[in-house]
Amino acid sequence: METINRRTFAKATLAAGAGTALSRTRILGANDRINLGIIGPGDRGHSVWSQFLKQPDVNPIAAADVYQPYLERAAKTAAQASGGKIAQFEDFRRLLELKEVDAVIVGTPDHWHAIPTIAACQAGKDVYCEKPLSLFVREGRRMVVAARQYNRVVQTGCQQRSGNHYQQAVKLIREGGIGTVHKITAGYTRNAMPGFKPEEILGPGKEIPKGLNWDFWLGPAPAVPYDPFRCHYHFRWFWDYSGGQMTNWGAHNLDIARWALNAKGPRAVTAFGGRYAIQDGGETPDVQEVLYDFGDCVVTWSGREVNRTRDEYLVFHGTKGTLSIMRNGFTIAPETWRKADKPAVEPMQVKGDANQSQTSHIRDFLDCIKSRKRPIADVEEGHLTATMCHLGNIATRLGRSFKWDADKEEILGDKEANQMLSRPYRKPWKLE
C-alpha cells in the first residue's frame, strides 16, 4: 500500500487532467456493469458503499482511505457482495489512476470532498459525493465547473430528493396545493447533553492509532496534533472540517425547502447562535437560529443540541394548509379562514420510506452514468444548497445580517463576510 507525498499533489492533479476525460471513459450500455471505487469508506461512506453493492450492475473495484481498518472493512464488504478482492490504497490518487474504474463514491469528511471530486472528474470518473457538497462556497463552485468541463455525472448525496413522498410533496406545493407558501420552518433538534466527547478520550495518551495517516487525514486543513475527538463522526463539530448540524442536516432539509421554492438562493441572511451549553471542545453551535429571506417567503433554520422538538424538522406553512414532512411521510393539516365555511383543502397523510429514498437515489446515479443525463441531485443543486448552509454559518459566526447576490455568488457590501466564502488550503494542497 502506497503512502502520500503531498509535494507531488499539484503535479499529479495536473497530470490527471492533462488528457480529456472522455478519452478515459468507457461508453456504457444499459446492461453493462459499472466498475465502482470508493474514497473514504468510513462511517457514512461505508454505509453508502454497502447500499451501492446491492445493485446488480455494480462491480466493486477499489477503495482508498487513510485509515487501514476502514479499508479492510470496505474490502470485506465487497468480497461478501461480489466474491472477489478489491485494490486497496492509502492515496486516493492511485485509485483514480485505475482506468477500469468508471465511477467513485466520495464519502470522506467534508474538507476532503472537493479535491477528490475534481480530481475524479479530471480522471474521467463520475462521482457520487456525500453531502454537504463542499466546505465553503468557492470550493463548491469549482466542483460544478469541473463536472461541466469534463462532462461528468456528479450526484450529491441528498437522497431525500429521490423519496417518492418528497417528490409528491414538492409537486403539490409548487402547484398551490396548500395555497401560497410564505413561511418554511426547517431544523434538526435533539438533546445531546452533556456533550459528544467519549469518556475514554478525555484523558492523556492521544497517540496516533496504528493504521492512521493523520497528516493525510488533515490534508488541506490546518496542521494540529492528533485528537481522536476530531476524527470519525465528530469531525462535524469543527469548522476546519465541517459546519455542524447546519451542513449535516441542513443540507437535507434546506435542500427540500429550496427545491420547493424553485429558487437559487436567498437574497438576505441573518443568524445568531453559539456553543452555549455543550463544553466538550467542539466549535459548531449547539443552538442556532437562521432566517433566510427569499423575497416572498421566509425560511428559518432551527438547530439545537440541547432540547428536542420533532415538529420542527420541515414544515411548509401555506395559506390553505400546513404540510409537515419527514422521512417516514408527510401530513397536511387544513387551514380555515375566518369567513370560510369549510377548509380549502382536505387533510392528508402520505407514508414514506427512507430505504426507498436511498435506493432510488443510488439507482438514479447509476442510470445517469449510462444515459449521461444529469441526476436529480446534480452537482449544481448540491452546490446551491451547500451555499445556503454556508451562508447561515457565516451569518451565525459574524452575528449579523447581510445581503446575498445568488447570481454572482457574492455577499454585498460586507468585505469580512465575503472573505469567508473561501478558505486557504494548507500548502501544497490546492485545486487545479
Protein backbone atom coordinates (compact mmCIF):
# COMPACT_ATOMS: atom_id res chain seq x y z
CA MET A 1 0.00 0.00 0.00
CA GLU A 2 1.44 3.37 -1.03
CA THR A 3 1.85 6.47 1.13
CA ILE A 4 1.21 10.02 0.03
CA ASN A 5 3.80 12.60 -0.94
CA ARG A 6 1.95 15.88 -0.53
CA ARG A 7 4.51 17.86 -2.54
CA THR A 8 3.65 15.92 -5.67
CA PHE A 9 -0.08 16.51 -5.36
CA ALA A 10 -0.34 19.56 -7.60
CA LYS A 11 1.74 17.89 -10.32
CA ALA A 12 -0.31 14.70 -10.10
CA THR A 13 -3.59 16.59 -10.24
CA LEU A 14 -2.49 18.47 -13.33
CA ALA A 15 -1.39 15.23 -14.93
CA ALA A 16 -4.77 13.68 -14.19
CA GLY A 17 -6.45 16.46 -16.13
CA ALA A 18 -3.94 16.68 -18.96
CA GLY A 19 -5.94 14.42 -21.29
CA THR A 20 -9.62 14.67 -21.95
CA ALA A 21 -11.88 12.86 -19.51
CA LEU A 22 -13.69 11.36 -22.47
CA SER A 23 -10.54 9.56 -23.61
CA ARG A 24 -10.51 7.57 -20.37
CA THR A 25 -14.22 6.87 -20.12
CA ARG A 26 -15.94 3.64 -21.11
CA ILE A 27 -19.15 4.05 -23.06
CA LEU A 28 -21.59 2.02 -21.02
CA GLY A 29 -24.68 0.32 -22.36
CA ALA A 30 -27.88 -0.13 -20.40
CA ASN A 31 -26.91 -3.67 -19.38
CA ASP A 32 -23.23 -3.06 -18.63
CA ARG A 33 -21.84 -3.33 -15.12
CA ILE A 34 -20.38 -0.19 -13.57
CA ASN A 35 -16.91 -0.53 -12.06
CA LEU A 36 -17.01 1.34 -8.77
CA GLY A 37 -14.43 2.64 -6.32
CA ILE A 38 -14.82 4.42 -3.01
CA ILE A 39 -12.75 7.20 -1.47
CA GLY A 40 -13.39 7.39 2.25
CA PRO A 41 -15.27 4.24 3.30
CA GLY A 42 -15.65 5.41 6.91
CA ASP A 43 -18.88 5.89 8.81
CA ARG A 44 -21.28 7.27 6.18
CA GLY A 45 -19.03 6.24 3.31
CA HIS A 46 -19.20 2.57 4.21
CA SER A 47 -22.97 2.73 4.62
CA VAL A 48 -23.36 4.14 1.10
CA TRP A 49 -20.79 1.65 -0.28
CA SER A 50 -22.83 -1.21 1.17
CA GLN A 51 -26.00 0.12 -0.46
CA PHE A 52 -24.32 0.52 -3.84
CA LEU A 53 -23.05 -3.06 -3.76
CA LYS A 54 -26.62 -4.34 -3.51
CA GLN A 55 -27.25 -3.11 -7.06
CA PRO A 56 -26.90 -5.91 -9.66
CA ASP A 57 -24.95 -3.77 -12.16
CA VAL A 58 -22.24 -2.58 -9.73
CA ASN A 59 -18.82 -4.20 -9.73
CA PRO A 60 -16.56 -3.15 -6.79
CA ILE A 61 -13.00 -2.43 -7.92
CA ALA A 62 -11.07 -0.42 -5.31
CA ALA A 63 -11.11 1.55 -2.09
CA ALA A 64 -8.94 4.36 -0.75
CA ASP A 65 -8.67 5.60 2.82
CA VAL A 66 -6.04 6.94 5.22
CA TYR A 67 -7.26 4.57 7.96
CA GLN A 68 -6.37 0.92 7.40
CA PRO A 69 -9.29 -0.61 9.35
CA TYR A 70 -11.74 1.23 7.10
CA LEU A 71 -10.00 -0.17 4.02
CA GLU A 72 -10.17 -3.68 5.39
CA ARG A 73 -13.86 -3.34 6.21
CA ALA A 74 -14.64 -1.97 2.72
CA ALA A 75 -12.76 -4.90 1.16
CA LYS A 76 -14.63 -7.38 3.32
CA THR A 77 -17.98 -5.89 2.34
CA ALA A 78 -17.01 -6.01 -1.33
CA ALA A 79 -15.93 -9.64 -1.03
CA GLN A 80 -19.25 -10.56 0.56
CA ALA A 81 -21.12 -8.80 -2.23
CA SER A 82 -19.11 -9.95 -5.26
CA GLY A 83 -16.92 -12.80 -4.06
CA GLY A 84 -13.76 -11.08 -5.27
CA LYS A 85 -10.94 -8.91 -3.98
CA ILE A 86 -10.60 -5.17 -4.48
CA ALA A 87 -7.50 -2.97 -4.70
CA GLN A 88 -6.70 -1.01 -1.55
CA PHE A 89 -4.88 2.34 -1.44
CA GLU A 90 -3.99 4.88 1.19
CA ASP A 91 -3.62 7.55 -1.53
CA PHE A 92 -6.86 8.18 -3.44
CA ARG A 93 -4.90 9.33 -6.50
CA ARG A 94 -3.69 5.78 -7.05
CA LEU A 95 -7.33 4.67 -7.21
CA LEU A 96 -8.08 7.35 -9.80
CA GLU A 97 -5.23 6.03 -11.97
CA LEU A 98 -7.13 2.75 -12.47
CA LYS A 99 -8.51 3.01 -15.99
CA GLU A 100 -11.15 0.35 -15.36
CA VAL A 101 -12.88 2.44 -12.65
CA ASP A 102 -15.98 4.14 -14.09
CA ALA A 103 -17.21 5.98 -11.02
CA VAL A 104 -16.29 6.73 -7.42
CA ILE A 105 -18.08 7.43 -4.17
CA VAL A 106 -16.56 10.27 -2.14
CA GLY A 107 -17.52 9.53 1.46
CA THR A 108 -14.74 11.46 3.20
CA PRO A 109 -15.16 14.20 5.84
CA ASP A 110 -16.40 17.43 4.29
CA HIS A 111 -13.00 19.13 3.98
CA TRP A 112 -11.93 16.29 1.68
CA HIS A 113 -14.91 16.47 -0.72
CA ALA A 114 -13.67 18.97 -3.31
CA ILE A 115 -10.15 17.76 -4.10
CA PRO A 116 -11.04 14.10 -4.82
CA THR A 117 -14.22 15.06 -6.67
CA ILE A 118 -12.42 17.46 -9.01
CA ALA A 119 -9.53 15.04 -9.49
CA ALA A 120 -12.01 12.26 -10.29
CA CYS A 121 -13.71 14.44 -12.92
CA GLN A 122 -10.32 15.17 -14.46
CA ALA A 123 -9.58 11.45 -14.50
CA GLY A 124 -12.79 10.69 -16.39
CA LYS A 125 -14.74 9.25 -13.45
CA ASP A 126 -18.32 10.02 -12.48
CA VAL A 127 -18.83 10.90 -8.82
CA TYR A 128 -21.34 10.29 -6.06
CA CYS A 129 -20.28 12.83 -3.41
CA GLU A 130 -21.81 12.81 0.03
CA LYS A 131 -23.46 15.96 1.30
CA PRO A 132 -22.66 18.69 2.03
CA LEU A 133 -21.01 19.04 -1.35
CA SER A 134 -18.33 21.43 -0.09
CA LEU A 135 -16.69 23.01 2.93
CA PHE A 136 -17.03 26.57 1.60
CA VAL A 137 -18.80 28.37 -1.24
CA ARG A 138 -15.94 29.00 -3.68
CA GLU A 139 -14.87 25.37 -3.40
CA GLY A 140 -18.33 24.19 -4.40
CA ARG A 141 -18.42 26.37 -7.49
CA ARG A 142 -15.10 24.89 -8.61
CA MET A 143 -16.64 21.42 -8.28
CA VAL A 144 -19.51 22.44 -10.57
CA VAL A 145 -17.07 23.87 -13.11
CA ALA A 146 -15.05 20.63 -13.11
CA ALA A 147 -18.15 18.48 -13.60
CA ARG A 148 -19.23 20.56 -16.59
CA GLN A 149 -15.76 20.93 -18.11
CA TYR A 150 -15.12 17.18 -18.08
CA ASN A 151 -18.74 16.18 -18.82
CA ARG A 152 -19.09 14.15 -15.64
CA VAL A 153 -22.17 12.92 -13.83
CA VAL A 154 -21.88 14.18 -10.25
CA GLN A 155 -24.64 13.28 -7.81
CA THR A 156 -24.84 14.88 -4.35
CA GLY A 157 -25.92 12.55 -1.54
CA CYS A 158 -29.15 14.43 -0.79
CA GLN A 159 -31.25 11.28 -1.03
CA GLN A 160 -34.45 12.90 0.23
CA ARG A 161 -34.87 14.28 -3.31
CA SER A 162 -35.35 10.72 -4.54
CA GLY A 163 -38.04 9.89 -1.99
CA ASN A 164 -41.41 9.33 -3.66
CA HIS A 165 -43.26 11.21 -0.94
CA TYR A 166 -40.80 14.14 -1.07
CA GLN A 167 -41.33 14.42 -4.82
CA GLN A 168 -45.10 14.25 -4.35
CA ALA A 169 -44.97 16.94 -1.66
CA VAL A 170 -42.79 19.30 -3.71
CA LYS A 171 -45.06 18.93 -6.74
CA LEU A 172 -48.12 19.59 -4.58
CA ILE A 173 -46.55 22.70 -3.03
CA ARG A 174 -45.41 24.12 -6.37
CA GLU A 175 -48.89 23.61 -7.81
CA GLY A 176 -50.52 25.52 -4.94
CA GLY A 177 -51.92 22.50 -3.16
CA ILE A 178 -51.62 24.16 0.25
CA GLY A 179 -52.01 27.70 -1.07
CA THR A 180 -49.18 30.19 -1.29
CA VAL A 181 -46.25 29.37 0.96
CA HIS A 182 -44.72 32.41 2.67
CA LYS A 183 -43.05 30.61 5.57
CA ILE A 184 -41.00 27.40 5.82
CA THR A 185 -39.64 26.02 9.08
CA ALA A 186 -36.67 23.66 8.85
CA GLY A 187 -34.49 22.27 11.58
CA TYR A 188 -32.84 19.47 13.44
CA THR A 189 -33.14 19.22 17.19
CA ARG A 190 -32.04 16.71 19.79
CA ASN A 191 -30.75 16.57 23.35
CA ALA A 192 -27.05 15.71 23.22
CA MET A 193 -26.18 16.94 26.70
CA PRO A 194 -23.67 16.88 28.28
CA GLY A 195 -21.69 16.55 25.01
CA PHE A 196 -20.14 14.27 22.45
CA LYS A 197 -16.62 13.53 23.70
CA PRO A 198 -16.43 9.93 24.98
CA GLU A 199 -15.07 9.45 28.47
CA GLU A 200 -12.26 7.22 27.25
CA ILE A 201 -10.59 10.05 25.30
CA LEU A 202 -10.86 12.80 27.90
CA GLY A 203 -7.50 11.94 29.45
CA PRO A 204 -3.93 11.82 28.12
CA GLY A 205 -2.49 9.23 25.75
CA LYS A 206 -3.60 10.69 22.44
CA GLU A 207 -1.23 8.67 20.31
CA ILE A 208 -2.00 8.29 16.64
CA PRO A 209 -3.51 4.81 16.27
CA LYS A 210 -1.78 2.26 14.10
CA GLY A 211 -3.01 2.39 10.54
CA LEU A 212 -4.00 6.09 10.52
CA ASN A 213 -2.12 8.64 8.43
CA TRP A 214 -3.09 11.72 10.45
CA ASP A 215 -1.28 14.22 8.23
CA PHE A 216 -3.12 12.90 5.18
CA TRP A 217 -6.42 12.92 7.11
CA LEU A 218 -5.91 16.63 7.79
CA GLY A 219 -4.96 17.24 4.16
CA PRO A 220 -5.86 20.83 3.22
CA ALA A 221 -6.93 21.66 6.80
CA PRO A 222 -4.52 23.36 9.25
CA ALA A 223 -1.94 21.13 10.91
CA VAL A 224 -2.89 20.26 14.51
CA PRO A 225 -1.80 17.49 16.89
CA TYR A 226 -3.79 14.27 16.68
CA ASP A 227 -7.02 14.34 18.66
CA PRO A 228 -9.37 11.33 18.49
CA PHE A 229 -12.32 13.66 19.06
CA ARG A 230 -11.66 15.32 15.70
CA CYS A 231 -11.83 12.03 13.80
CA HIS A 232 -14.61 9.85 12.52
CA TYR A 233 -18.15 11.07 13.19
CA HIS A 234 -17.18 14.01 15.42
CA PHE A 235 -15.24 15.91 12.75
CA ARG A 236 -18.61 17.63 12.19
CA TRP A 237 -18.16 19.86 15.23
CA PHE A 238 -15.01 21.62 13.94
CA TRP A 239 -15.00 24.48 11.44
CA ASP A 240 -11.82 23.24 9.76
CA TYR A 241 -13.61 20.08 8.62
CA SER A 242 -17.35 20.74 8.57
CA GLY A 243 -20.20 23.04 9.60
CA GLY A 244 -22.07 21.33 12.43
CA GLN A 245 -25.70 20.31 12.14
CA MET A 246 -26.27 23.09 9.61
CA THR A 247 -24.26 21.23 6.96
CA ASN A 248 -25.16 17.82 8.37
CA TRP A 249 -28.98 18.00 8.46
CA GLY A 250 -29.47 21.45 6.98
CA ALA A 251 -28.01 20.07 3.76
CA HIS A 252 -31.04 17.76 3.66
CA ASN A 253 -33.95 19.88 4.85
CA LEU A 254 -32.91 23.24 3.43
CA ASP A 255 -32.37 21.40 0.15
CA ILE A 256 -36.03 20.36 0.03
CA ALA A 257 -37.15 23.86 1.07
CA ARG A 258 -35.13 25.50 -1.71
CA TRP A 259 -36.31 22.85 -4.19
CA ALA A 260 -39.95 23.52 -3.36
CA LEU A 261 -39.37 27.27 -3.79
CA ASN A 262 -37.59 26.62 -7.11
CA ALA A 263 -35.02 29.24 -6.11
CA LYS A 264 -31.25 29.60 -6.49
CA GLY A 265 -30.85 31.04 -3.04
CA PRO A 266 -31.93 33.70 -0.57
CA ARG A 267 -31.48 37.43 -1.03
CA ALA A 268 -30.59 38.07 2.62
CA VAL A 269 -29.50 36.05 5.65
CA THR A 270 -29.38 36.74 9.38
CA ALA A 271 -28.45 34.41 12.22
CA PHE A 272 -27.49 34.00 15.84
CA GLY A 273 -26.16 31.11 17.88
CA GLY A 274 -23.17 29.52 19.50
CA ARG A 275 -21.88 26.63 21.52
CA TYR A 276 -23.51 27.62 24.77
CA ALA A 277 -24.27 24.50 26.79
CA ILE A 278 -22.02 21.74 25.48
CA GLN A 279 -18.43 22.12 26.69
CA ASP A 280 -16.64 19.21 25.03
CA GLY A 281 -14.10 21.06 22.89
CA GLY A 282 -16.26 21.26 19.78
CA GLU A 283 -16.75 24.55 17.93
CA THR A 284 -20.01 24.49 15.96
CA PRO A 285 -23.26 25.78 17.52
CA ASP A 286 -25.40 23.78 19.91
CA VAL A 287 -28.07 26.47 19.45
CA GLN A 288 -28.55 28.16 16.08
CA GLU A 289 -31.32 30.24 14.54
CA VAL A 290 -31.03 31.37 10.91
CA LEU A 291 -33.50 33.37 8.82
CA TYR A 292 -33.37 33.38 5.02
CA ASP A 293 -35.25 36.00 3.00
CA PHE A 294 -36.43 34.64 -0.35
CA GLY A 295 -38.39 37.75 -1.24
CA ASP A 296 -41.92 36.47 -0.70
CA CYS A 297 -41.03 33.64 1.67
CA VAL A 298 -39.07 33.44 4.90
CA VAL A 299 -37.23 30.20 5.63
CA THR A 300 -36.00 29.54 9.15
CA TRP A 301 -33.47 27.00 10.35
CA SER A 302 -33.56 25.92 14.00
CA GLY A 303 -30.69 23.81 15.22
CA ARG A 304 -30.48 22.63 18.82
CA GLU A 305 -28.41 20.02 20.61
CA VAL A 306 -29.93 20.85 23.99
CA ASN A 307 -33.68 20.26 23.56
CA ARG A 308 -35.63 18.11 21.12
CA THR A 309 -38.86 19.05 19.33
CA ARG A 310 -39.72 16.75 16.43
CA ASP A 311 -42.23 19.04 14.69
CA GLU A 312 -39.50 21.45 13.57
CA TYR A 313 -37.98 19.01 11.04
CA LEU A 314 -39.53 20.53 7.88
CA VAL A 315 -42.86 22.36 7.74
CA PHE A 316 -44.39 24.32 4.85
CA HIS A 317 -46.93 26.90 6.04
CA GLY A 318 -49.39 27.65 3.23
CA THR A 319 -52.42 29.92 3.13
CA LYS A 320 -54.69 26.90 2.72
CA GLY A 321 -52.87 24.29 4.80
CA THR A 322 -49.72 23.19 6.56
CA LEU A 323 -47.57 20.39 5.17
CA SER A 324 -45.21 18.70 7.62
CA ILE A 325 -42.76 16.21 6.13
CA MET A 326 -40.22 13.73 7.47
CA ARG A 327 -38.54 10.67 6.02
CA ASN A 328 -41.45 8.45 7.04
CA GLY A 329 -44.05 10.53 5.21
CA PHE A 330 -45.98 13.80 5.27
CA THR A 331 -49.25 15.18 6.58
CA ILE A 332 -51.42 18.11 5.54
CA ALA A 333 -53.47 19.96 8.12
CA PRO A 334 -56.03 22.33 6.54
CA GLU A 335 -56.39 25.99 7.47
CA THR A 336 -59.84 27.53 7.92
CA TRP A 337 -60.15 31.22 7.09
CA ARG A 338 -62.27 33.34 9.41
CA LYS A 339 -65.05 33.86 6.89
CA ALA A 340 -64.86 30.44 5.19
CA ASP A 341 -67.46 27.78 5.86
CA LYS A 342 -65.01 24.92 5.41
CA PRO A 343 -61.25 24.37 4.85
CA ALA A 344 -59.93 24.95 1.34
CA VAL A 345 -58.02 21.64 1.35
CA GLU A 346 -58.66 18.23 2.79
CA PRO A 347 -56.43 16.69 5.46
CA MET A 348 -53.95 14.21 4.03
CA GLN A 349 -51.48 11.64 5.28
CA VAL A 350 -48.91 10.02 2.96
CA LYS A 351 -46.43 7.38 4.04
CA GLY A 352 -42.77 7.49 3.08
CA ASP A 353 -39.88 5.03 3.07
CA ALA A 354 -36.35 6.17 3.90
CA ASN A 355 -34.89 2.99 2.40
CA GLN A 356 -36.69 3.67 -0.87
CA SER A 357 -35.23 7.19 -0.95
CA GLN A 358 -31.66 5.94 -0.59
CA THR A 359 -32.04 3.07 -3.05
CA SER A 360 -33.72 5.26 -5.66
CA HIS A 361 -31.04 7.93 -5.24
CA ILE A 362 -28.29 5.43 -5.91
CA ARG A 363 -30.26 3.99 -8.81
CA ASP A 364 -30.70 7.44 -10.30
CA PHE A 365 -26.93 8.00 -10.26
CA LEU A 366 -26.18 4.63 -11.85
CA ASP A 367 -28.78 5.12 -14.55
CA CYS A 368 -27.42 8.60 -15.32
CA ILE A 369 -23.92 7.17 -15.72
CA LYS A 370 -25.32 5.14 -18.63
CA SER A 371 -27.69 7.75 -20.08
CA ARG A 372 -25.35 10.74 -19.43
CA LYS A 373 -28.32 12.71 -18.12
CA ARG A 374 -27.97 14.93 -15.07
CA PRO A 375 -29.09 13.29 -11.81
CA ILE A 376 -31.83 14.56 -9.54
CA ALA A 377 -29.31 15.98 -7.04
CA ASP A 378 -26.89 17.25 -9.67
CA VAL A 379 -23.68 18.93 -8.50
CA GLU A 380 -25.19 22.37 -9.21
CA GLU A 381 -28.12 21.65 -6.90
CA GLY A 382 -25.77 20.30 -4.25
CA HIS A 383 -23.67 23.45 -4.53
CA LEU A 384 -26.63 25.81 -4.21
CA THR A 385 -27.91 24.02 -1.12
CA ALA A 386 -24.45 23.81 0.46
CA THR A 387 -24.07 27.53 -0.23
CA MET A 388 -27.29 28.20 1.65
CA CYS A 389 -25.89 26.27 4.61
CA HIS A 390 -22.53 28.05 4.46
CA LEU A 391 -24.23 31.44 4.40
CA GLY A 392 -26.18 30.52 7.52
CA ASN A 393 -22.97 29.57 9.30
CA ILE A 394 -21.19 32.74 8.16
CA ALA A 395 -24.04 34.90 9.49
CA THR A 396 -24.01 32.92 12.75
CA ARG A 397 -20.27 33.33 13.26
CA LEU A 398 -20.44 37.05 12.49
CA GLY A 399 -23.68 37.58 14.41
CA ARG A 400 -25.19 39.87 11.78
CA SER A 401 -27.23 40.13 8.61
CA PHE A 402 -26.05 40.50 5.04
CA LYS A 403 -27.45 40.57 1.52
CA TRP A 404 -26.66 37.85 -0.99
CA ASP A 405 -26.45 38.03 -4.79
CA ALA A 406 -27.31 34.46 -5.82
CA ASP A 407 -26.37 35.06 -9.46
CA LYS A 408 -22.91 36.47 -8.78
CA GLU A 409 -22.49 34.40 -5.59
CA GLU A 410 -21.30 37.41 -3.63
CA ILE A 411 -22.17 38.95 -0.27
CA LEU A 412 -22.99 42.58 -0.91
CA GLY A 413 -21.21 45.39 0.90
CA ASP A 414 -19.56 43.24 3.57
CA LYS A 415 -15.88 42.59 2.92
CA GLU A 416 -15.37 40.49 6.06
CA ALA A 417 -18.31 38.22 5.28
CA ASN A 418 -17.32 37.95 1.62
CA GLN A 419 -13.84 36.74 2.59
CA MET A 420 -15.47 33.81 4.40
CA LEU A 421 -16.76 32.42 1.10
CA SER A 422 -13.34 30.81 0.70
CA ARG A 423 -10.67 29.39 2.98
CA PRO A 424 -6.95 28.85 2.50
CA TYR A 425 -5.65 25.33 1.93
CA ARG A 426 -2.63 24.09 3.80
CA LYS A 427 0.28 24.05 1.38
CA PRO A 428 0.84 22.42 -1.01
CA TRP A 429 -2.79 21.34 -1.35
CA LYS A 430 -4.78 23.28 -3.91
CA LEU A 431 -7.46 22.91 -6.55
CA GLU A 432 -6.30 22.90 -10.14
